[in-house]
N, C-alpha and C. Protein backbone atom coordinates (compact mmCIF):
# COMPACT_ATOMS: atom_id res chain seq x y z
N MET A 1 0.17 -8.02 5.87
CA MET A 1 -0.14 -7.79 4.46
C MET A 1 0.33 -6.40 4.06
N LYS A 2 0.89 -6.30 2.85
CA LYS A 2 1.45 -5.03 2.41
C LYS A 2 0.36 -3.99 2.16
N THR A 3 0.72 -2.72 2.31
CA THR A 3 -0.21 -1.62 2.07
C THR A 3 -0.22 -1.28 0.59
N ASN A 4 -1.40 -1.10 0.03
CA ASN A 4 -1.54 -0.66 -1.36
C ASN A 4 -1.91 0.82 -1.37
N TYR A 5 -1.07 1.63 -2.00
CA TYR A 5 -1.32 3.06 -2.16
C TYR A 5 -1.77 3.34 -3.59
N ILE A 6 -2.81 4.13 -3.73
CA ILE A 6 -3.28 4.56 -5.04
C ILE A 6 -3.06 6.05 -5.16
N LEU A 7 -2.31 6.47 -6.18
CA LEU A 7 -2.00 7.88 -6.40
C LEU A 7 -2.64 8.29 -7.72
N ILE A 8 -3.69 9.10 -7.65
CA ILE A 8 -4.49 9.44 -8.82
C ILE A 8 -4.04 10.77 -9.41
N ASP A 9 -3.67 10.75 -10.69
CA ASP A 9 -3.33 11.95 -11.44
C ASP A 9 -4.65 12.56 -11.91
N PHE A 10 -5.22 13.43 -11.08
CA PHE A 10 -6.57 13.92 -11.35
C PHE A 10 -6.62 14.87 -12.54
N GLU A 11 -5.49 15.43 -12.93
CA GLU A 11 -5.45 16.25 -14.14
C GLU A 11 -5.66 15.38 -15.38
N ASN A 12 -5.26 14.12 -15.27
CA ASN A 12 -5.28 13.22 -16.41
C ASN A 12 -6.46 12.25 -16.39
N VAL A 13 -6.83 11.80 -15.19
CA VAL A 13 -7.91 10.81 -15.03
C VAL A 13 -8.85 11.26 -13.92
N GLN A 14 -10.14 11.31 -14.20
CA GLN A 14 -11.13 11.62 -13.18
C GLN A 14 -11.99 10.37 -12.96
N PRO A 15 -11.57 9.49 -12.08
CA PRO A 15 -12.27 8.20 -11.92
C PRO A 15 -13.69 8.36 -11.41
N LYS A 16 -14.57 7.52 -11.97
CA LYS A 16 -15.98 7.52 -11.55
C LYS A 16 -16.33 6.20 -10.88
N ASN A 17 -15.32 5.39 -10.54
CA ASN A 17 -15.58 4.06 -9.99
C ASN A 17 -14.81 3.82 -8.69
N LEU A 18 -14.70 4.86 -7.88
CA LEU A 18 -13.99 4.73 -6.61
C LEU A 18 -14.65 3.72 -5.68
N GLU A 19 -15.93 3.43 -5.93
CA GLU A 19 -16.63 2.46 -5.10
C GLU A 19 -16.02 1.06 -5.21
N LEU A 20 -15.24 0.81 -6.26
CA LEU A 20 -14.55 -0.48 -6.40
C LEU A 20 -13.61 -0.75 -5.22
N LEU A 21 -13.17 0.32 -4.57
CA LEU A 21 -12.18 0.19 -3.49
C LEU A 21 -12.81 -0.20 -2.17
N HIS A 22 -14.12 -0.09 -2.05
CA HIS A 22 -14.77 -0.39 -0.78
C HIS A 22 -14.62 -1.87 -0.46
N GLY A 23 -14.26 -2.15 0.77
CA GLY A 23 -14.01 -3.52 1.19
C GLY A 23 -12.56 -3.92 1.08
N HIS A 24 -11.73 -3.01 0.53
CA HIS A 24 -10.29 -3.26 0.41
C HIS A 24 -9.53 -2.19 1.19
N ASP A 25 -8.38 -2.58 1.69
CA ASP A 25 -7.61 -1.66 2.54
C ASP A 25 -6.60 -0.86 1.70
N PHE A 26 -7.11 0.04 0.86
CA PHE A 26 -6.26 0.91 0.06
C PHE A 26 -6.09 2.26 0.74
N ARG A 27 -4.96 2.91 0.48
CA ARG A 27 -4.74 4.31 0.85
C ARG A 27 -4.78 5.10 -0.46
N VAL A 28 -5.63 6.11 -0.53
CA VAL A 28 -5.86 6.82 -1.78
C VAL A 28 -5.45 8.28 -1.67
N LEU A 29 -4.59 8.71 -2.59
CA LEU A 29 -4.17 10.11 -2.66
C LEU A 29 -4.59 10.66 -4.02
N VAL A 30 -5.43 11.68 -4.01
CA VAL A 30 -5.90 12.30 -5.24
C VAL A 30 -5.13 13.60 -5.45
N PHE A 31 -4.31 13.66 -6.49
CA PHE A 31 -3.48 14.84 -6.76
C PHE A 31 -4.24 15.77 -7.71
N VAL A 32 -4.55 16.96 -7.20
CA VAL A 32 -5.37 17.92 -7.92
C VAL A 32 -4.51 19.09 -8.37
N GLY A 33 -4.63 19.45 -9.65
CA GLY A 33 -3.86 20.56 -10.19
C GLY A 33 -4.23 21.89 -9.57
N GLU A 34 -3.28 22.80 -9.56
CA GLU A 34 -3.50 24.11 -8.93
C GLU A 34 -4.68 24.85 -9.56
N SER A 35 -4.87 24.68 -10.88
CA SER A 35 -5.93 25.42 -11.56
C SER A 35 -7.24 24.65 -11.64
N GLN A 36 -7.28 23.42 -11.12
CA GLN A 36 -8.52 22.65 -11.12
C GLN A 36 -9.41 23.15 -9.98
N LYS A 37 -10.58 23.60 -10.31
CA LYS A 37 -11.47 24.23 -9.33
C LYS A 37 -12.61 23.34 -8.87
N ASN A 38 -12.95 22.31 -9.65
CA ASN A 38 -14.15 21.53 -9.33
C ASN A 38 -13.84 20.04 -9.19
N ILE A 39 -14.48 19.43 -8.21
CA ILE A 39 -14.43 17.99 -8.02
C ILE A 39 -15.87 17.50 -7.92
N SER A 40 -16.17 16.40 -8.60
CA SER A 40 -17.56 15.93 -8.63
C SER A 40 -18.01 15.48 -7.23
N ILE A 41 -19.30 15.63 -6.98
CA ILE A 41 -19.89 15.16 -5.72
C ILE A 41 -19.66 13.65 -5.58
N GLN A 42 -19.77 12.92 -6.69
CA GLN A 42 -19.61 11.47 -6.68
C GLN A 42 -18.22 11.08 -6.14
N LEU A 43 -17.17 11.77 -6.64
CA LEU A 43 -15.82 11.48 -6.18
C LEU A 43 -15.65 11.90 -4.73
N ALA A 44 -16.15 13.08 -4.37
CA ALA A 44 -16.00 13.58 -3.01
C ALA A 44 -16.66 12.63 -2.01
N GLU A 45 -17.87 12.14 -2.33
CA GLU A 45 -18.56 11.23 -1.42
C GLU A 45 -17.83 9.90 -1.31
N ALA A 46 -17.33 9.38 -2.44
CA ALA A 46 -16.63 8.10 -2.43
C ALA A 46 -15.34 8.20 -1.61
N LEU A 47 -14.62 9.32 -1.76
CA LEU A 47 -13.38 9.49 -1.00
C LEU A 47 -13.68 9.69 0.49
N GLN A 48 -14.76 10.40 0.77
CA GLN A 48 -15.15 10.63 2.16
C GLN A 48 -15.42 9.31 2.89
N LYS A 49 -15.99 8.34 2.18
CA LYS A 49 -16.29 7.05 2.78
C LYS A 49 -15.03 6.29 3.19
N LEU A 50 -13.90 6.65 2.58
CA LEU A 50 -12.64 5.99 2.94
C LEU A 50 -12.06 6.54 4.24
N GLY A 51 -12.62 7.64 4.73
CA GLY A 51 -12.15 8.21 5.99
C GLY A 51 -10.69 8.64 5.91
N GLU A 52 -9.90 8.24 6.91
CA GLU A 52 -8.49 8.62 6.96
C GLU A 52 -7.67 7.98 5.86
N ARG A 53 -8.23 7.00 5.15
CA ARG A 53 -7.49 6.32 4.09
C ARG A 53 -7.54 7.08 2.76
N GLY A 54 -8.28 8.17 2.71
CA GLY A 54 -8.36 8.96 1.49
C GLY A 54 -8.06 10.43 1.75
N ARG A 55 -7.34 11.06 0.82
CA ARG A 55 -7.05 12.49 0.98
C ARG A 55 -6.76 13.14 -0.37
N TYR A 56 -6.98 14.46 -0.40
CA TYR A 56 -6.63 15.26 -1.57
C TYR A 56 -5.28 15.91 -1.35
N ILE A 57 -4.53 16.07 -2.44
CA ILE A 57 -3.28 16.84 -2.38
C ILE A 57 -3.32 17.84 -3.53
N ARG A 58 -3.49 19.11 -3.19
CA ARG A 58 -3.47 20.16 -4.23
C ARG A 58 -2.02 20.55 -4.47
N ILE A 59 -1.60 20.45 -5.72
CA ILE A 59 -0.19 20.71 -6.02
C ILE A 59 0.05 22.21 -6.14
N ALA A 60 1.33 22.56 -6.02
CA ALA A 60 1.73 23.97 -6.16
C ALA A 60 2.35 24.17 -7.54
N GLY A 61 1.84 25.14 -8.29
CA GLY A 61 2.42 25.45 -9.59
C GLY A 61 1.67 24.80 -10.74
N ASN A 62 1.88 25.36 -11.95
CA ASN A 62 1.17 24.89 -13.14
C ASN A 62 2.10 24.41 -14.24
N GLY A 63 3.34 24.04 -13.89
CA GLY A 63 4.29 23.57 -14.90
C GLY A 63 3.80 22.30 -15.58
N LYS A 64 4.38 21.99 -16.73
CA LYS A 64 3.95 20.85 -17.54
C LYS A 64 3.92 19.56 -16.75
N ASN A 65 4.96 19.32 -15.94
CA ASN A 65 5.06 18.07 -15.19
C ASN A 65 4.96 18.28 -13.68
N ALA A 66 4.37 19.39 -13.27
CA ALA A 66 4.33 19.71 -11.84
C ALA A 66 3.65 18.61 -11.04
N LEU A 67 2.51 18.12 -11.53
CA LEU A 67 1.79 17.09 -10.79
C LEU A 67 2.58 15.78 -10.76
N ASP A 68 3.23 15.44 -11.88
CA ASP A 68 4.04 14.22 -11.95
C ASP A 68 5.13 14.23 -10.89
N PHE A 69 5.78 15.37 -10.73
CA PHE A 69 6.85 15.47 -9.74
C PHE A 69 6.31 15.30 -8.31
N HIS A 70 5.11 15.81 -8.08
CA HIS A 70 4.51 15.63 -6.75
C HIS A 70 4.26 14.15 -6.46
N ILE A 71 3.74 13.43 -7.45
CA ILE A 71 3.50 12.00 -7.27
C ILE A 71 4.80 11.26 -7.01
N ALA A 72 5.85 11.60 -7.78
CA ALA A 72 7.16 10.96 -7.58
C ALA A 72 7.68 11.23 -6.17
N TYR A 73 7.51 12.46 -5.71
CA TYR A 73 7.96 12.81 -4.36
C TYR A 73 7.24 11.98 -3.30
N TYR A 74 5.92 11.86 -3.43
CA TYR A 74 5.16 11.13 -2.42
C TYR A 74 5.48 9.63 -2.44
N ILE A 75 5.73 9.08 -3.61
CA ILE A 75 6.13 7.67 -3.66
C ILE A 75 7.46 7.49 -2.93
N GLY A 76 8.40 8.38 -3.17
CA GLY A 76 9.69 8.30 -2.48
C GLY A 76 9.52 8.41 -0.97
N GLN A 77 8.73 9.36 -0.55
CA GLN A 77 8.51 9.57 0.88
C GLN A 77 7.83 8.37 1.53
N LEU A 78 6.77 7.86 0.89
CA LEU A 78 6.02 6.75 1.45
C LEU A 78 6.81 5.45 1.43
N SER A 79 7.59 5.24 0.38
CA SER A 79 8.37 4.00 0.29
C SER A 79 9.49 3.97 1.32
N GLU A 80 9.95 5.14 1.74
CA GLU A 80 10.95 5.21 2.80
C GLU A 80 10.34 4.76 4.13
N LYS A 81 9.09 5.17 4.37
CA LYS A 81 8.41 4.81 5.61
C LYS A 81 7.86 3.38 5.57
N ASP A 82 7.49 2.93 4.38
CA ASP A 82 6.80 1.64 4.23
C ASP A 82 7.42 0.90 3.04
N PRO A 83 8.61 0.30 3.23
CA PRO A 83 9.36 -0.29 2.10
C PRO A 83 8.69 -1.48 1.44
N THR A 84 7.68 -2.09 2.06
CA THR A 84 7.02 -3.22 1.42
C THR A 84 5.73 -2.82 0.70
N ALA A 85 5.43 -1.53 0.64
CA ALA A 85 4.19 -1.05 0.04
C ALA A 85 4.15 -1.30 -1.46
N PHE A 86 2.93 -1.34 -2.00
CA PHE A 86 2.70 -1.46 -3.44
C PHE A 86 2.01 -0.18 -3.89
N PHE A 87 2.57 0.48 -4.91
CA PHE A 87 2.05 1.77 -5.38
C PHE A 87 1.38 1.61 -6.74
N HIS A 88 0.22 2.25 -6.88
CA HIS A 88 -0.53 2.23 -8.14
C HIS A 88 -0.73 3.68 -8.59
N ILE A 89 -0.07 4.06 -9.67
CA ILE A 89 -0.26 5.39 -10.26
C ILE A 89 -1.41 5.28 -11.26
N ILE A 90 -2.47 6.02 -11.03
CA ILE A 90 -3.61 6.00 -11.95
C ILE A 90 -3.50 7.19 -12.89
N SER A 91 -3.09 6.90 -14.12
CA SER A 91 -2.87 7.96 -15.11
C SER A 91 -2.72 7.33 -16.49
N LYS A 92 -3.16 8.05 -17.51
CA LYS A 92 -2.94 7.62 -18.89
C LYS A 92 -1.63 8.19 -19.44
N ASP A 93 -0.93 8.95 -18.62
CA ASP A 93 0.31 9.63 -19.03
C ASP A 93 1.47 8.64 -19.05
N THR A 94 1.95 8.30 -20.25
CA THR A 94 3.06 7.35 -20.37
C THR A 94 4.38 7.95 -19.89
N GLY A 95 4.39 9.25 -19.61
CA GLY A 95 5.59 9.89 -19.07
C GLY A 95 6.00 9.32 -17.72
N PHE A 96 5.05 8.65 -17.04
CA PHE A 96 5.39 8.02 -15.76
C PHE A 96 6.21 6.74 -15.94
N ASP A 97 6.18 6.15 -17.13
CA ASP A 97 6.77 4.82 -17.29
C ASP A 97 8.27 4.73 -17.01
N PRO A 98 9.09 5.73 -17.41
CA PRO A 98 10.51 5.67 -17.01
C PRO A 98 10.69 5.68 -15.49
N LEU A 99 9.85 6.46 -14.78
CA LEU A 99 9.89 6.47 -13.32
C LEU A 99 9.53 5.09 -12.78
N VAL A 100 8.48 4.48 -13.33
CA VAL A 100 8.05 3.15 -12.89
C VAL A 100 9.18 2.15 -13.07
N ARG A 101 9.84 2.17 -14.23
CA ARG A 101 10.94 1.23 -14.48
C ARG A 101 12.07 1.44 -13.48
N HIS A 102 12.40 2.71 -13.20
CA HIS A 102 13.48 3.00 -12.26
C HIS A 102 13.13 2.53 -10.86
N LEU A 103 11.90 2.79 -10.42
CA LEU A 103 11.49 2.38 -9.08
C LEU A 103 11.53 0.86 -8.94
N LYS A 104 11.11 0.15 -9.98
CA LYS A 104 11.18 -1.31 -9.95
C LYS A 104 12.62 -1.79 -9.78
N SER A 105 13.55 -1.11 -10.46
CA SER A 105 14.97 -1.50 -10.36
C SER A 105 15.50 -1.26 -8.95
N GLU A 106 14.82 -0.37 -8.20
CA GLU A 106 15.20 -0.09 -6.82
C GLU A 106 14.39 -0.93 -5.83
N LYS A 107 13.71 -1.95 -6.36
CA LYS A 107 12.92 -2.89 -5.54
C LYS A 107 11.72 -2.21 -4.86
N ILE A 108 11.17 -1.22 -5.54
CA ILE A 108 9.92 -0.59 -5.08
C ILE A 108 8.81 -1.09 -5.98
N TRP A 109 7.76 -1.64 -5.39
CA TRP A 109 6.67 -2.24 -6.17
C TRP A 109 5.74 -1.15 -6.67
N VAL A 110 5.62 -1.04 -7.98
CA VAL A 110 4.82 0.05 -8.54
C VAL A 110 4.30 -0.35 -9.93
N LEU A 111 3.07 0.07 -10.22
CA LEU A 111 2.47 -0.08 -11.54
C LEU A 111 1.78 1.23 -11.91
N ARG A 112 1.69 1.48 -13.22
CA ARG A 112 0.83 2.55 -13.70
C ARG A 112 -0.38 1.89 -14.35
N GLU A 113 -1.55 2.27 -13.91
CA GLU A 113 -2.78 1.77 -14.51
C GLU A 113 -3.60 2.95 -15.01
N LYS A 114 -4.33 2.72 -16.10
CA LYS A 114 -5.13 3.78 -16.68
C LYS A 114 -6.46 3.95 -15.97
N ASP A 115 -6.87 2.91 -15.20
CA ASP A 115 -8.15 2.95 -14.51
C ASP A 115 -8.06 2.10 -13.25
N LEU A 116 -8.85 2.43 -12.26
CA LEU A 116 -8.84 1.67 -11.01
C LEU A 116 -9.13 0.19 -11.24
N SER A 117 -9.97 -0.11 -12.22
CA SER A 117 -10.35 -1.50 -12.47
C SER A 117 -9.18 -2.37 -12.93
N GLU A 118 -8.06 -1.74 -13.32
CA GLU A 118 -6.90 -2.50 -13.79
C GLU A 118 -5.98 -2.92 -12.65
N ILE A 119 -6.22 -2.45 -11.43
CA ILE A 119 -5.39 -2.84 -10.28
C ILE A 119 -5.53 -4.34 -10.06
N PRO A 120 -4.40 -5.08 -10.02
CA PRO A 120 -4.48 -6.55 -9.94
C PRO A 120 -5.36 -7.08 -8.81
N LEU A 121 -5.24 -6.50 -7.62
CA LEU A 121 -6.03 -6.98 -6.49
C LEU A 121 -7.53 -6.86 -6.77
N LEU A 122 -7.93 -5.77 -7.44
CA LEU A 122 -9.34 -5.58 -7.77
C LEU A 122 -9.77 -6.50 -8.90
N GLN A 123 -8.87 -6.72 -9.87
CA GLN A 123 -9.18 -7.67 -10.95
C GLN A 123 -9.42 -9.06 -10.38
N ILE A 124 -8.57 -9.46 -9.45
CA ILE A 124 -8.67 -10.79 -8.86
C ILE A 124 -9.97 -10.94 -8.07
N SER A 125 -10.32 -9.92 -7.30
CA SER A 125 -11.51 -10.02 -6.45
C SER A 125 -12.80 -9.94 -7.25
N ASN A 126 -12.71 -9.48 -8.51
CA ASN A 126 -13.92 -9.33 -9.32
C ASN A 126 -13.98 -10.32 -10.48
N THR A 127 -13.19 -11.38 -10.42
CA THR A 127 -13.19 -12.33 -11.52
C THR A 127 -13.22 -13.76 -10.99
N SER A 128 -13.74 -14.65 -11.80
CA SER A 128 -13.73 -16.06 -11.44
C SER A 128 -13.07 -16.91 -12.52
N SER A 129 -12.83 -16.31 -13.70
CA SER A 129 -12.25 -17.09 -14.79
C SER A 129 -10.74 -17.26 -14.59
N GLN A 130 -10.24 -18.41 -14.99
CA GLN A 130 -8.81 -18.72 -14.83
C GLN A 130 -7.94 -17.76 -15.63
N ASP A 131 -8.35 -17.43 -16.86
CA ASP A 131 -7.56 -16.53 -17.70
C ASP A 131 -7.38 -15.17 -17.04
N GLU A 132 -8.46 -14.62 -16.48
CA GLU A 132 -8.39 -13.30 -15.85
C GLU A 132 -7.57 -13.36 -14.57
N ARG A 133 -7.69 -14.47 -13.83
CA ARG A 133 -6.87 -14.64 -12.63
C ARG A 133 -5.38 -14.62 -12.98
N ILE A 134 -5.03 -15.42 -14.00
CA ILE A 134 -3.62 -15.52 -14.40
C ILE A 134 -3.11 -14.16 -14.87
N GLU A 135 -3.93 -13.45 -15.65
CA GLU A 135 -3.53 -12.13 -16.15
C GLU A 135 -3.26 -11.17 -14.99
N ALA A 136 -4.12 -11.19 -13.98
CA ALA A 136 -3.95 -10.30 -12.84
C ALA A 136 -2.72 -10.67 -12.02
N ILE A 137 -2.47 -11.97 -11.85
CA ILE A 137 -1.28 -12.42 -11.10
C ILE A 137 -0.02 -12.01 -11.84
N VAL A 138 0.00 -12.21 -13.15
CA VAL A 138 1.18 -11.83 -13.95
C VAL A 138 1.43 -10.33 -13.85
N LYS A 139 0.36 -9.54 -13.91
CA LYS A 139 0.51 -8.09 -13.80
C LYS A 139 1.09 -7.70 -12.45
N SER A 140 0.63 -8.36 -11.39
CA SER A 140 1.16 -8.09 -10.05
C SER A 140 2.64 -8.45 -9.98
N LEU A 141 3.02 -9.57 -10.56
CA LEU A 141 4.43 -9.98 -10.55
C LEU A 141 5.30 -9.00 -11.34
N ILE A 142 4.77 -8.50 -12.46
CA ILE A 142 5.50 -7.50 -13.22
C ILE A 142 5.73 -6.25 -12.37
N GLY A 143 4.71 -5.86 -11.61
CA GLY A 143 4.83 -4.68 -10.76
C GLY A 143 5.88 -4.83 -9.68
N ARG A 144 6.20 -6.07 -9.31
CA ARG A 144 7.19 -6.29 -8.26
C ARG A 144 8.63 -6.19 -8.76
N GLY A 145 8.81 -6.09 -10.07
CA GLY A 145 10.16 -5.92 -10.60
C GLY A 145 11.09 -7.03 -10.14
N THR A 146 12.24 -6.64 -9.58
CA THR A 146 13.24 -7.62 -9.15
C THR A 146 12.93 -8.23 -7.79
N SER A 147 11.81 -7.84 -7.19
CA SER A 147 11.44 -8.36 -5.86
C SER A 147 10.48 -9.55 -5.95
N ARG A 148 10.48 -10.23 -7.08
CA ARG A 148 9.58 -11.38 -7.23
C ARG A 148 10.07 -12.56 -6.40
N PRO A 149 9.12 -13.40 -5.97
CA PRO A 149 9.52 -14.59 -5.20
C PRO A 149 10.45 -15.49 -6.00
N ARG A 150 11.41 -16.09 -5.31
CA ARG A 150 12.40 -16.95 -5.98
C ARG A 150 12.21 -18.43 -5.67
N LYS A 151 11.30 -18.74 -4.75
CA LYS A 151 11.03 -20.13 -4.39
C LYS A 151 9.54 -20.42 -4.59
N THR A 152 9.22 -21.68 -4.86
CA THR A 152 7.83 -22.06 -5.11
C THR A 152 6.93 -21.72 -3.93
N LYS A 153 7.38 -22.02 -2.72
CA LYS A 153 6.56 -21.76 -1.54
C LYS A 153 6.28 -20.27 -1.38
N THR A 154 7.31 -19.43 -1.61
CA THR A 154 7.14 -17.98 -1.48
C THR A 154 6.18 -17.45 -2.53
N LEU A 155 6.27 -17.99 -3.75
CA LEU A 155 5.33 -17.58 -4.80
C LEU A 155 3.91 -17.96 -4.41
N GLY A 156 3.74 -19.18 -3.86
CA GLY A 156 2.42 -19.62 -3.43
C GLY A 156 1.84 -18.71 -2.36
N ASN A 157 2.67 -18.31 -1.41
CA ASN A 157 2.21 -17.38 -0.35
C ASN A 157 1.81 -16.04 -0.94
N SER A 158 2.59 -15.55 -1.92
CA SER A 158 2.29 -14.26 -2.55
C SER A 158 0.97 -14.32 -3.31
N ILE A 159 0.75 -15.43 -4.03
CA ILE A 159 -0.51 -15.59 -4.78
C ILE A 159 -1.68 -15.64 -3.81
N ASN A 160 -1.55 -16.38 -2.75
CA ASN A 160 -2.66 -16.49 -1.79
C ASN A 160 -2.93 -15.15 -1.11
N SER A 161 -1.89 -14.35 -0.91
CA SER A 161 -2.09 -13.01 -0.34
C SER A 161 -2.95 -12.14 -1.26
N LEU A 162 -2.73 -12.28 -2.58
CA LEU A 162 -3.54 -11.53 -3.54
C LEU A 162 -5.02 -11.91 -3.42
N PHE A 163 -5.26 -13.15 -3.04
CA PHE A 163 -6.63 -13.63 -2.89
C PHE A 163 -7.11 -13.54 -1.45
N GLN A 164 -6.47 -12.66 -0.67
CA GLN A 164 -6.88 -12.44 0.72
C GLN A 164 -6.84 -13.74 1.54
N LYS A 165 -5.87 -14.62 1.20
CA LYS A 165 -5.66 -15.88 1.93
C LYS A 165 -6.89 -16.79 1.90
N THR A 166 -7.63 -16.78 0.79
CA THR A 166 -8.87 -17.57 0.70
C THR A 166 -8.68 -18.86 -0.10
N LEU A 167 -7.51 -19.09 -0.69
CA LEU A 167 -7.32 -20.24 -1.55
C LEU A 167 -6.88 -21.47 -0.76
N GLU A 168 -7.36 -22.64 -1.20
CA GLU A 168 -6.86 -23.90 -0.67
C GLU A 168 -5.49 -24.17 -1.27
N GLU A 169 -4.70 -25.00 -0.60
CA GLU A 169 -3.34 -25.29 -1.07
C GLU A 169 -3.36 -25.87 -2.48
N LYS A 170 -4.33 -26.72 -2.78
CA LYS A 170 -4.37 -27.34 -4.12
C LYS A 170 -4.70 -26.30 -5.19
N GLU A 171 -5.48 -25.26 -4.83
CA GLU A 171 -5.78 -24.19 -5.79
C GLU A 171 -4.54 -23.39 -6.11
N VAL A 172 -3.74 -23.10 -5.08
CA VAL A 172 -2.48 -22.37 -5.29
C VAL A 172 -1.56 -23.19 -6.19
N THR A 173 -1.49 -24.49 -5.92
CA THR A 173 -0.64 -25.38 -6.72
C THR A 173 -1.08 -25.39 -8.18
N GLN A 174 -2.40 -25.41 -8.41
CA GLN A 174 -2.92 -25.41 -9.78
C GLN A 174 -2.57 -24.11 -10.50
N ILE A 175 -2.63 -22.99 -9.79
CA ILE A 175 -2.29 -21.70 -10.40
C ILE A 175 -0.81 -21.67 -10.77
N ILE A 176 0.05 -22.15 -9.89
CA ILE A 176 1.49 -22.20 -10.19
C ILE A 176 1.75 -23.10 -11.39
N GLN A 177 1.06 -24.23 -11.44
CA GLN A 177 1.22 -25.14 -12.59
C GLN A 177 0.77 -24.47 -13.88
N GLU A 178 -0.31 -23.68 -13.79
CA GLU A 178 -0.80 -22.98 -14.98
C GLU A 178 0.17 -21.89 -15.43
N LEU A 179 0.77 -21.18 -14.46
CA LEU A 179 1.80 -20.19 -14.81
C LEU A 179 2.97 -20.85 -15.51
N GLN A 180 3.32 -22.04 -15.04
CA GLN A 180 4.42 -22.79 -15.64
C GLN A 180 4.03 -23.29 -17.04
N LYS A 181 2.80 -23.79 -17.18
CA LYS A 181 2.31 -24.30 -18.46
C LYS A 181 2.30 -23.20 -19.51
N ARG A 182 1.94 -21.98 -19.08
CA ARG A 182 1.88 -20.85 -20.03
C ARG A 182 3.23 -20.17 -20.20
N LYS A 183 4.25 -20.75 -19.58
CA LYS A 183 5.64 -20.30 -19.72
C LYS A 183 5.91 -18.91 -19.15
N PHE A 184 5.08 -18.49 -18.16
CA PHE A 184 5.38 -17.25 -17.44
C PHE A 184 6.48 -17.48 -16.41
N ILE A 185 6.57 -18.72 -15.93
CA ILE A 185 7.63 -19.07 -14.99
C ILE A 185 8.25 -20.40 -15.40
N ALA A 186 9.48 -20.63 -14.93
CA ALA A 186 10.13 -21.93 -15.06
C ALA A 186 10.60 -22.33 -13.67
N ILE A 187 10.43 -23.60 -13.33
CA ILE A 187 10.81 -24.10 -12.00
C ILE A 187 11.90 -25.14 -12.16
N ASP A 188 13.00 -24.92 -11.47
CA ASP A 188 14.12 -25.84 -11.49
C ASP A 188 14.54 -26.11 -10.05
N ASN A 189 14.22 -27.33 -9.56
CA ASN A 189 14.59 -27.71 -8.20
C ASN A 189 14.08 -26.69 -7.18
N ASP A 190 12.81 -26.30 -7.33
CA ASP A 190 12.12 -25.38 -6.43
C ASP A 190 12.53 -23.92 -6.62
N ASN A 191 13.47 -23.64 -7.51
CA ASN A 191 13.87 -22.26 -7.81
C ASN A 191 13.07 -21.76 -9.01
N ILE A 192 12.60 -20.53 -8.91
CA ILE A 192 11.74 -19.97 -9.95
C ILE A 192 12.49 -18.91 -10.76
N SER A 193 12.38 -19.01 -12.07
CA SER A 193 12.82 -17.93 -12.95
C SER A 193 11.60 -17.46 -13.74
N TYR A 194 11.63 -16.20 -14.15
CA TYR A 194 10.46 -15.57 -14.75
C TYR A 194 10.68 -15.25 -16.22
N ARG A 195 9.58 -15.36 -16.96
CA ARG A 195 9.58 -15.01 -18.38
C ARG A 195 8.44 -14.03 -18.63
N LEU A 196 8.48 -12.97 -17.89
CA LEU A 196 7.44 -11.94 -17.96
C LEU A 196 7.92 -10.81 -18.87
N THR A 197 6.98 -10.17 -19.50
CA THR A 197 7.30 -9.01 -20.33
C THR A 197 6.81 -7.77 -19.62
N ASP A 198 7.72 -6.82 -19.38
CA ASP A 198 7.32 -5.57 -18.72
C ASP A 198 6.57 -4.69 -19.71
N ARG A 199 5.34 -5.13 -20.04
CA ARG A 199 4.55 -4.37 -20.98
C ARG A 199 3.97 -3.14 -20.29
N PRO A 200 3.75 -2.04 -21.02
CA PRO A 200 3.19 -0.85 -20.39
C PRO A 200 1.82 -1.15 -19.80
N SER A 201 1.48 -0.48 -18.68
CA SER A 201 0.17 -0.68 -18.06
C SER A 201 -0.89 -0.03 -18.92
């Protein structure tokens, strides 16, 4: 199963719901600005519970985009070591979006989310409604850019992976049929084409 990395722009977003990550195998990097002096006890305790899977990175310098460049550097470094990883930038800063589009074109899986609760894997694990499931699956597929599955079986495996391999085969089939019904995908002789909109996160 692919590794999910969460890179938090702490200058822009100070999450209070890190407990959502418990029970999931995320790697969390919290990027802290050079002039930021305080971190809440709540965040410190939640990150501490992640053990080696959580760490702080204090950036050097106070330039306008200094923290953004640090996040871009770490994504490049980590994707070189782990080319199948999925990266989640947690920030309300739309300045990341050109980087996200470029990384997708390079077959690096990445999304920008404004809050941890928007991460597709967490949306899926915290919902039971079909509409929310479909929305989370579509968002995950958008994050994969040009690396989306091209065959029905591969798409089914990818969907089941999002659900921690807990779905029955008929459930996976129903989800694929629903994606097709809603015109997010088209299937021609087992080949899949996509009709997704790369909407901002």
